[in-house]
Amino acid sequence: MSSIDMRTESQQILERIDERFLAAVHALLKTYEHQDDPIVGYDLHGNPKTAEATMDEYERRLERVQQGEYLTVEELKKEAKLWLKPTE
C-alpha cells in the first residue's frame, strides 16, 4: 500500500471513529510530531514538559542564581518554619 493510499484510508477511518478514540489518536500524533523534542516530564497539572522547554527553564533559573536571586539554607529553614505553623 502506498503512502498516498494509507493517508487516504486513514482520513476515511478518522471520519468514522468515536470521540474517545479520536482523542487517543490525536494525542499519539502530537507526541510523534514532537519526537525531535521529547517529553521529559509533566508539570503539577499533568501538562507535558519538553526537553527544550525544560532546558530553557533551567537556564533562566541558573541566570537568576548567578544574579544572586536565591535563598540560603538558613533562609529556607526560617521560611519552612512558617509553613508548619497552624493557621488561625
PDB file of N, CA and C in Angstrom:
ATOM      1  N   MET A   1       0.859  -1.166   0.000  1.00  0.00           N
ATOM      2  CA  MET A   1       0.000   0.000   0.000  1.00  0.00           C
ATOM      3  C   MET A   1       0.908   1.233   0.000  1.00  0.00           C
ATOM      4  N   SER A   2       0.642   2.172  -0.868  1.00  0.00           N
ATOM      5  CA  SER A   2       1.467   3.381  -0.963  1.00  0.00           C
ATOM      6  C   SER A   2       1.132   4.335   0.186  1.00  0.00           C
ATOM      7  N   SER A   3       2.022   5.306   0.404  1.00  0.00           N
ATOM      8  CA  SER A   3       1.758   6.269   1.478  1.00  0.00           C
ATOM      9  C   SER A   3       0.530   7.116   1.150  1.00  0.00           C
ATOM     10  N   ILE A   4       0.291   7.390  -0.123  1.00  0.00           N
ATOM     11  CA  ILE A   4      -0.911   8.145  -0.511  1.00  0.00           C
ATOM     12  C   ILE A   4      -2.165   7.350  -0.162  1.00  0.00           C
ATOM     13  N   ASP A   5      -2.132   6.045  -0.461  1.00  0.00           N
ATOM     14  CA  ASP A   5      -3.269   5.178  -0.129  1.00  0.00           C
ATOM     15  C   ASP A   5      -3.491   5.121   1.383  1.00  0.00           C
ATOM     16  N   MET A   6      -2.391   5.005   2.133  1.00  0.00           N
ATOM     17  CA  MET A   6      -2.518   4.936   3.596  1.00  0.00           C
ATOM     18  C   MET A   6      -3.082   6.237   4.157  1.00  0.00           C
ATOM     19  N   ARG A   7      -2.649   7.381   3.631  1.00  0.00           N
ATOM     20  CA  ARG A   7      -3.173   8.661   4.099  1.00  0.00           C
ATOM     21  C   ARG A   7      -4.673   8.783   3.803  1.00  0.00           C
ATOM     22  N   THR A   8      -5.061   8.387   2.591  1.00  0.00           N
ATOM     23  CA  THR A   8      -6.471   8.460   2.201  1.00  0.00           C
ATOM     24  C   THR A   8      -7.313   7.551   3.089  1.00  0.00           C
ATOM     25  N   GLU A   9      -6.854   6.322   3.268  1.00  0.00           N
ATOM     26  CA  GLU A   9      -7.599   5.379   4.097  1.00  0.00           C
ATOM     27  C   GLU A   9      -7.646   5.850   5.550  1.00  0.00           C
ATOM     28  N   SER A  10      -6.540   6.386   6.057  1.00  0.00           N
ATOM     29  CA  SER A  10      -6.502   6.883   7.442  1.00  0.00           C
ATOM     30  C   SER A  10      -7.494   8.008   7.639  1.00  0.00           C
ATOM     31  N   GLN A  11      -7.578   8.917   6.684  1.00  0.00           N
ATOM     32  CA  GLN A  11      -8.541  10.012   6.788  1.00  0.00           C
ATOM     33  C   GLN A  11      -9.974   9.487   6.817  1.00  0.00           C
ATOM     34  N   GLN A  12     -10.243   8.473   6.015  1.00  0.00           N
ATOM     35  CA  GLN A  12     -11.588   7.889   5.991  1.00  0.00           C
ATOM     36  C   GLN A  12     -11.907   7.224   7.329  1.00  0.00           C
ATOM     37  N   ILE A  13     -10.939   6.531   7.886  1.00  0.00           N
ATOM     38  CA  ILE A  13     -11.148   5.874   9.183  1.00  0.00           C
ATOM     39  C   ILE A  13     -11.375   6.919  10.278  1.00  0.00           C
ATOM     40  N   LEU A  14     -10.581   7.993  10.253  1.00  0.00           N
ATOM     41  CA  LEU A  14     -10.726   9.045  11.262  1.00  0.00           C
ATOM     42  C   LEU A  14     -12.112   9.666  11.245  1.00  0.00           C
ATOM     43  N   GLU A  15     -12.727   9.708  10.083  1.00  0.00           N
ATOM     44  CA  GLU A  15     -14.080  10.259   9.982  1.00  0.00           C
ATOM     45  C   GLU A  15     -15.108   9.376  10.674  1.00  0.00           C
ATOM     46  N   ARG A  16     -14.790   8.090  10.856  1.00  0.00           N
ATOM     47  CA  ARG A  16     -15.768   7.151  11.410  1.00  0.00           C
ATOM     48  C   ARG A  16     -15.570   6.814  12.887  1.00  0.00           C
ATOM     49  N   ILE A  17     -14.413   7.114  13.466  1.00  0.00           N
ATOM     50  CA  ILE A  17     -14.157   6.681  14.851  1.00  0.00           C
ATOM     51  C   ILE A  17     -14.851   7.586  15.857  1.00  0.00           C
ATOM     52  N   ASP A  18     -15.070   7.047  17.072  1.00  0.00           N
ATOM     53  CA  ASP A  18     -15.746   7.829  18.112  1.00  0.00           C
ATOM     54  C   ASP A  18     -14.786   8.856  18.724  1.00  0.00           C
ATOM     55  N   GLU A  19     -15.351   9.771  19.518  1.00  0.00           N
ATOM     56  CA  GLU A  19     -14.587  10.897  20.066  1.00  0.00           C
ATOM     57  C   GLU A  19     -13.463  10.451  20.993  1.00  0.00           C
ATOM     58  N   ARG A  20     -13.704   9.442  21.833  1.00  0.00           N
ATOM     59  CA  ARG A  20     -12.667   8.976  22.766  1.00  0.00           C
ATOM     60  C   ARG A  20     -11.465   8.433  22.021  1.00  0.00           C
ATOM     61  N   PHE A  21     -11.727   7.611  20.998  1.00  0.00           N
ATOM     62  CA  PHE A  21     -10.614   7.044  20.242  1.00  0.00           C
ATOM     63  C   PHE A  21      -9.921   8.133  19.428  1.00  0.00           C
ATOM     64  N   LEU A  22     -10.686   9.082  18.924  1.00  0.00           N
ATOM     65  CA  LEU A  22     -10.100  10.200  18.190  1.00  0.00           C
ATOM     66  C   LEU A  22      -9.139  10.987  19.094  1.00  0.00           C
ATOM     67  N   ALA A  23      -9.524  11.196  20.344  1.00  0.00           N
ATOM     68  CA  ALA A  23      -8.660  11.905  21.288  1.00  0.00           C
ATOM     69  C   ALA A  23      -7.362  11.132  21.517  1.00  0.00           C
ATOM     70  N   ALA A  24      -7.447   9.808  21.611  1.00  0.00           N
ATOM     71  CA  ALA A  24      -6.254   8.988  21.801  1.00  0.00           C
ATOM     72  C   ALA A  24      -5.343   9.058  20.580  1.00  0.00           C
ATOM     73  N   VAL A  25      -5.920   8.987  19.401  1.00  0.00           N
ATOM     74  CA  VAL A  25      -5.138   9.081  18.162  1.00  0.00           C
ATOM     75  C   VAL A  25      -4.480  10.456  18.069  1.00  0.00           C
ATOM     76  N   HIS A  26      -5.231  11.486  18.417  1.00  0.00           N
ATOM     77  CA  HIS A  26      -4.693  12.844  18.384  1.00  0.00           C
ATOM     78  C   HIS A  26      -3.492  12.983  19.319  1.00  0.00           C
ATOM     79  N   ALA A  27      -3.606  12.450  20.537  1.00  0.00           N
ATOM     80  CA  ALA A  27      -2.502  12.510  21.500  1.00  0.00           C
ATOM     81  C   ALA A  27      -1.281  11.764  20.962  1.00  0.00           C
ATOM     82  N   LEU A  28      -1.516  10.623  20.360  1.00  0.00           N
ATOM     83  CA  LEU A  28      -0.425   9.844  19.770  1.00  0.00           C
ATOM     84  C   LEU A  28       0.263  10.627  18.658  1.00  0.00           C
ATOM     85  N   LEU A  29      -0.516  11.249  17.788  1.00  0.00           N
ATOM     86  CA  LEU A  29       0.048  12.028  16.688  1.00  0.00           C
ATOM     87  C   LEU A  29       0.830  13.235  17.196  1.00  0.00           C
ATOM     88  N   LYS A  30       0.311  13.919  18.216  1.00  0.00           N
ATOM     89  CA  LYS A  30       1.015  15.081  18.766  1.00  0.00           C
ATOM     90  C   LYS A  30       2.335  14.650  19.398  1.00  0.00           C
ATOM     91  N   THR A  31       2.335  13.515  20.090  1.00  0.00           N
ATOM     92  CA  THR A  31       3.563  13.008  20.687  1.00  0.00           C
ATOM     93  C   THR A  31       4.577  12.674  19.600  1.00  0.00           C
ATOM     94  N   TYR A  32       4.119  12.015  18.549  1.00  0.00           N
ATOM     95  CA  TYR A  32       5.010  11.662  17.445  1.00  0.00           C
ATOM     96  C   TYR A  32       5.558  12.913  16.762  1.00  0.00           C
ATOM     97  N   GLU A  33       4.707  13.910  16.600  1.00  0.00           N
ATOM     98  CA  GLU A  33       5.102  15.146  15.934  1.00  0.00           C
ATOM     99  C   GLU A  33       6.238  15.844  16.693  1.00  0.00           C
ATOM    100  N   HIS A  34       6.251  15.735  18.005  1.00  0.00           N
ATOM    101  CA  HIS A  34       7.260  16.389  18.834  1.00  0.00           C
ATOM    102  C   HIS A  34       8.380  15.435  19.219  1.00  0.00           C
ATOM    103  N   GLN A  35       8.572  14.396  18.452  1.00  0.00           N
ATOM    104  CA  GLN A  35       9.568  13.387  18.775  1.00  0.00           C
ATOM    105  C   GLN A  35      10.980  13.974  18.802  1.00  0.00           C
ATOM    106  N   ASP A  36      11.254  14.996  17.986  1.00  0.00           N
ATOM    107  CA  ASP A  36      12.571  15.604  17.997  1.00  0.00           C
ATOM    108  C   ASP A  36      12.790  16.445  19.250  1.00  0.00           C
ATOM    109  N   ASP A  37      11.748  16.759  19.987  1.00  0.00           N
ATOM    110  CA  ASP A  37      11.828  17.455  21.265  1.00  0.00           C
ATOM    111  C   ASP A  37      11.039  16.620  22.267  1.00  0.00           C
ATOM    112  N   PRO A  38      11.675  15.586  22.808  1.00  0.00           N
ATOM    113  CA  PRO A  38      10.936  14.615  23.626  1.00  0.00           C
ATOM    114  C   PRO A  38      10.360  15.208  24.900  1.00  0.00           C
ATOM    115  N   ILE A  39       9.300  14.587  25.358  1.00  0.00           N
ATOM    116  CA  ILE A  39       8.686  14.942  26.630  1.00  0.00           C
ATOM    117  C   ILE A  39       9.536  14.315  27.727  1.00  0.00           C
ATOM    118  N   VAL A  40       9.975  15.143  28.683  1.00  0.00           N
ATOM    119  CA  VAL A  40      10.859  14.654  29.739  1.00  0.00           C
ATOM    120  C   VAL A  40      10.189  14.646  31.112  1.00  0.00           C
ATOM    121  N   GLY A  41       8.957  15.131  31.186  1.00  0.00           N
ATOM    122  CA  GLY A  41       8.246  15.154  32.453  1.00  0.00           C
ATOM    123  C   GLY A  41       6.924  15.880  32.305  1.00  0.00           C
ATOM    124  N   TYR A  42       6.282  16.092  33.439  1.00  0.00           N
ATOM    125  CA  TYR A  42       4.975  16.748  33.446  1.00  0.00           C
ATOM    126  C   TYR A  42       4.930  17.755  34.586  1.00  0.00           C
ATOM    127  N   ASP A  43       4.175  18.826  34.404  1.00  0.00           N
ATOM    128  CA  ASP A  43       4.036  19.807  35.471  1.00  0.00           C
ATOM    129  C   ASP A  43       2.974  19.315  36.462  1.00  0.00           C
ATOM    130  N   LEU A  44       2.691  20.130  37.461  1.00  0.00           N
ATOM    131  CA  LEU A  44       1.745  19.728  38.506  1.00  0.00           C
ATOM    132  C   LEU A  44       0.327  19.541  38.005  1.00  0.00           C
ATOM    133  N   HIS A  45       0.024  20.066  36.815  1.00  0.00           N
ATOM    134  CA  HIS A  45      -1.319  19.959  36.249  1.00  0.00           C
ATOM    135  C   HIS A  45      -1.404  18.859  35.194  1.00  0.00           C
ATOM    136  N   GLY A  46      -0.318  18.091  35.026  1.00  0.00           N
ATOM    137  CA  GLY A  46      -0.319  16.997  34.066  1.00  0.00           C
ATOM    138  C   GLY A  46       0.042  17.399  32.649  1.00  0.00           C
ATOM    139  N   ASN A  47       0.473  18.638  32.453  1.00  0.00           N
ATOM    140  CA  ASN A  47       0.874  19.087  31.118  1.00  0.00           C
ATOM    141  C   ASN A  47       2.296  18.620  30.823  1.00  0.00           C
ATOM    142  N   PRO A  48       2.541  18.133  29.618  1.00  0.00           N
ATOM    143  CA  PRO A  48       3.886  17.646  29.296  1.00  0.00           C
ATOM    144  C   PRO A  48       4.917  18.767  29.247  1.00  0.00           C
ATOM    145  N   LYS A  49       6.139  18.443  29.660  1.00  0.00           N
ATOM    146  CA  LYS A  49       7.269  19.374  29.597  1.00  0.00           C
ATOM    147  C   LYS A  49       8.284  18.783  28.616  1.00  0.00           C
ATOM    148  N   THR A  50       8.580  19.520  27.563  1.00  0.00           N
ATOM    149  CA  THR A  50       9.536  19.032  26.568  1.00  0.00           C
ATOM    150  C   THR A  50      10.959  19.315  27.036  1.00  0.00           C
ATOM    151  N   ALA A  51      11.907  18.613  26.415  1.00  0.00           N
ATOM    152  CA  ALA A  51      13.310  18.801  26.765  1.00  0.00           C
ATOM    153  C   ALA A  51      13.736  20.242  26.529  1.00  0.00           C
ATOM    154  N   GLU A  52      13.351  20.811  25.406  1.00  0.00           N
ATOM    155  CA  GLU A  52      13.754  22.183  25.087  1.00  0.00           C
ATOM    156  C   GLU A  52      13.180  23.180  26.090  1.00  0.00           C
ATOM    157  N   ALA A  53      11.906  23.055  26.409  1.00  0.00           N
ATOM    158  CA  ALA A  53      11.281  23.967  27.368  1.00  0.00           C
ATOM    159  C   ALA A  53      11.905  23.802  28.752  1.00  0.00           C
ATOM    160  N   THR A  54      12.231  22.580  29.129  1.00  0.00           N
ATOM    161  CA  THR A  54      12.843  22.316  30.425  1.00  0.00           C
ATOM    162  C   THR A  54      14.232  22.940  30.493  1.00  0.00           C
ATOM    163  N   MET A  55      15.016  22.784  29.433  1.00  0.00           N
ATOM    164  CA  MET A  55      16.345  23.393  29.403  1.00  0.00           C
ATOM    165  C   MET A  55      16.253  24.913  29.464  1.00  0.00           C
ATOM    166  N   ASP A  56      15.292  25.488  28.761  1.00  0.00           N
ATOM    167  CA  ASP A  56      15.095  26.942  28.814  1.00  0.00           C
ATOM    168  C   ASP A  56      14.811  27.393  30.240  1.00  0.00           C
ATOM    169  N   GLU A  57      13.942  26.647  30.926  1.00  0.00           N
ATOM    170  CA  GLU A  57      13.601  26.977  32.315  1.00  0.00           C
ATOM    171  C   GLU A  57      14.833  26.865  33.212  1.00  0.00           C
ATOM    172  N   TYR A  58      15.622  25.809  33.053  1.00  0.00           N
ATOM    173  CA  TYR A  58      16.825  25.633  33.863  1.00  0.00           C
ATOM    174  C   TYR A  58      17.826  26.761  33.613  1.00  0.00           C
ATOM    175  N   GLU A  59      17.953  27.187  32.367  1.00  0.00           N
ATOM    176  CA  GLU A  59      18.862  28.284  32.050  1.00  0.00           C
ATOM    177  C   GLU A  59      18.398  29.584  32.711  1.00  0.00           C
ATOM    178  N   ARG A  60      17.074  29.837  32.696  1.00  0.00           N
ATOM    179  CA  ARG A  60      16.549  31.031  33.372  1.00  0.00           C
ATOM    180  C   ARG A  60      16.816  30.967  34.876  1.00  0.00           C
ATOM    181  N   ARG A  61      16.640  29.802  35.464  1.00  0.00           N
ATOM    182  CA  ARG A  61      16.894  29.644  36.901  1.00  0.00           C
ATOM    183  C   ARG A  61      18.372  29.854  37.220  1.00  0.00           C
ATOM    184  N   LEU A  62      19.253  29.303  36.385  1.00  0.00           N
ATOM    185  CA  LEU A  62      20.684  29.462  36.591  1.00  0.00           C
ATOM    186  C   LEU A  62      21.081  30.934  36.515  1.00  0.00           C
ATOM    187  N   GLU A  63      20.518  31.655  35.561  1.00  0.00           N
ATOM    188  CA  GLU A  63      20.797  33.089  35.452  1.00  0.00           C
ATOM    189  C   GLU A  63      20.370  33.819  36.712  1.00  0.00           C
ATOM    190  N   ARG A  64      19.213  33.468  37.259  1.00  0.00           N
ATOM    191  CA  ARG A  64      18.730  34.112  38.481  1.00  0.00           C
ATOM    192  C   ARG A  64      19.669  33.827  39.649  1.00  0.00           C
ATOM    193  N   VAL A  65      20.157  32.604  39.746  1.00  0.00           N
ATOM    194  CA  VAL A  65      21.097  32.261  40.810  1.00  0.00           C
ATOM    195  C   VAL A  65      22.390  33.050  40.636  1.00  0.00           C
ATOM    196  N   GLN A  66      22.878  33.137  39.406  1.00  0.00           N
ATOM    197  CA  GLN A  66      24.110  33.882  39.149  1.00  0.00           C
ATOM    198  C   GLN A  66      23.953  35.364  39.463  1.00  0.00           C
ATOM    199  N   GLN A  67      22.725  35.868  39.426  1.00  0.00           N
ATOM    200  CA  GLN A  67      22.448  37.265  39.755  1.00  0.00           C
ATOM    201  C   GLN A  67      22.170  37.447  41.251  1.00  0.00           C
ATOM    202  N   GLY A  68      22.289  36.367  42.005  1.00  0.00           N
ATOM    203  CA  GLY A  68      22.105  36.453  43.450  1.00  0.00           C
ATOM    204  C   GLY A  68      20.687  36.246  43.926  1.00  0.00           C
ATOM    205  N   GLU A  69      19.793  35.810  43.058  1.00  0.00           N
ATOM    206  CA  GLU A  69      18.400  35.582  43.441  1.00  0.00           C
ATOM    207  C   GLU A  69      18.212  34.136  43.891  1.00  0.00           C
ATOM    208  N   TYR A  70      18.472  33.901  45.176  1.00  0.00           N
ATOM    209  CA  TYR A  70      18.288  32.564  45.732  1.00  0.00           C
ATOM    210  C   TYR A  70      18.155  32.670  47.244  1.00  0.00           C
ATOM    211  N   LEU A  71      17.747  31.578  47.870  1.00  0.00           N
ATOM    212  CA  LEU A  71      17.669  31.500  49.321  1.00  0.00           C
ATOM    213  C   LEU A  71      18.831  30.665  49.829  1.00  0.00           C
ATOM    214  N   THR A  72      19.425  31.091  50.937  1.00  0.00           N
ATOM    215  CA  THR A  72      20.431  30.258  51.584  1.00  0.00           C
ATOM    216  C   THR A  72      19.698  29.154  52.350  1.00  0.00           C
ATOM    217  N   VAL A  73      20.432  28.177  52.808  1.00  0.00           N
ATOM    218  CA  VAL A  73      19.823  27.088  53.573  1.00  0.00           C
ATOM    219  C   VAL A  73      19.195  27.651  54.850  1.00  0.00           C
ATOM    220  N   GLU A  74      19.883  28.584  55.478  1.00  0.00           N
ATOM    221  CA  GLU A  74      19.357  29.183  56.707  1.00  0.00           C
ATOM    222  C   GLU A  74      18.048  29.921  56.431  1.00  0.00           C
ATOM    223  N   GLU A  75      17.990  30.686  55.335  1.00  0.00           N
ATOM    224  CA  GLU A  75      16.763  31.405  54.971  1.00  0.00           C
ATOM    225  C   GLU A  75      15.621  30.436  54.675  1.00  0.00           C
ATOM    226  N   LEU A  76      15.955  29.351  54.018  1.00  0.00           N
ATOM    227  CA  LEU A  76      14.946  28.346  53.698  1.00  0.00           C
ATOM    228  C   LEU A  76      14.406  27.688  54.962  1.00  0.00           C
ATOM    229  N   LYS A  77      15.282  27.414  55.926  1.00  0.00           N
ATOM    230  CA  LYS A  77      14.839  26.822  57.192  1.00  0.00           C
ATOM    231  C   LYS A  77      13.873  27.762  57.925  1.00  0.00           C
ATOM    232  N   LYS A  78      14.195  29.065  57.926  1.00  0.00           N
ATOM    233  CA  LYS A  78      13.300  30.040  58.560  1.00  0.00           C
ATOM    234  C   LYS A  78      11.949  30.062  57.862  1.00  0.00           C
ATOM    235  N   GLU A  79      11.985  30.046  56.537  1.00  0.00           N
ATOM    236  CA  GLU A  79      10.736  30.066  55.776  1.00  0.00           C
ATOM    237  C   GLU A  79       9.931  28.789  56.013  1.00  0.00           C
ATOM    238  N   ALA A  80      10.630  27.664  56.108  1.00  0.00           N
ATOM    239  CA  ALA A  80       9.948  26.379  56.308  1.00  0.00           C
ATOM    240  C   ALA A  80       9.217  26.344  57.647  1.00  0.00           C
ATOM    241  N   LYS A  81       9.767  27.009  58.643  1.00  0.00           N
ATOM    242  CA  LYS A  81       9.091  27.054  59.946  1.00  0.00           C
ATOM    243  C   LYS A  81       7.732  27.731  59.822  1.00  0.00           C
ATOM    244  N   LEU A  82       7.634  28.720  58.944  1.00  0.00           N
ATOM    245  CA  LEU A  82       6.353  29.405  58.723  1.00  0.00           C
ATOM    246  C   LEU A  82       5.337  28.484  58.062  1.00  0.00           C
ATOM    247  N   TRP A  83       5.809  27.577  57.231  1.00  0.00           N
ATOM    248  CA  TRP A  83       4.904  26.646  56.549  1.00  0.00           C
ATOM    249  C   TRP A  83       4.243  25.712  57.533  1.00  0.00           C
ATOM    250  N   LEU A  84       4.960  25.401  58.617  1.00  0.00           N
ATOM    251  CA  LEU A  84       4.485  24.397  59.569  1.00  0.00           C
ATOM    252  C   LEU A  84       3.581  24.985  60.657  1.00  0.00           C
ATOM    253  N   LYS A  85       3.536  26.314  60.758  1.00  0.00           N
ATOM    254  CA  LYS A  85       2.695  26.927  61.787  1.00  0.00           C
ATOM    255  C   LYS A  85       1.218  26.760  61.401  1.00  0.00           C
ATOM    256  N   PRO A  86       0.402  26.356  62.365  1.00  0.00           N
ATOM    257  CA  PRO A  86      -1.034  26.240  62.059  1.00  0.00           C
ATOM    258  C   PRO A  86      -1.644  27.618  61.829  1.00  0.00           C
ATOM    259  N   THR A  87      -2.557  27.672  60.913  1.00  0.00           N
ATOM    260  CA  THR A  87      -3.246  28.931  60.638  1.00  0.00           C
ATOM    261  C   THR A  87      -4.375  29.117  61.628  1.00  0.00           C
ATOM    262  N   GLU A  88      -4.626  30.348  61.984  1.00  0.00           N
ATOM    263  CA  GLU A  88      -5.678  30.616  62.979  1.00  0.00           C
ATOM    264  C   GLU A  88      -6.878  31.208  62.335  1.00  0.00           C
TER     265      GLU A  88
END
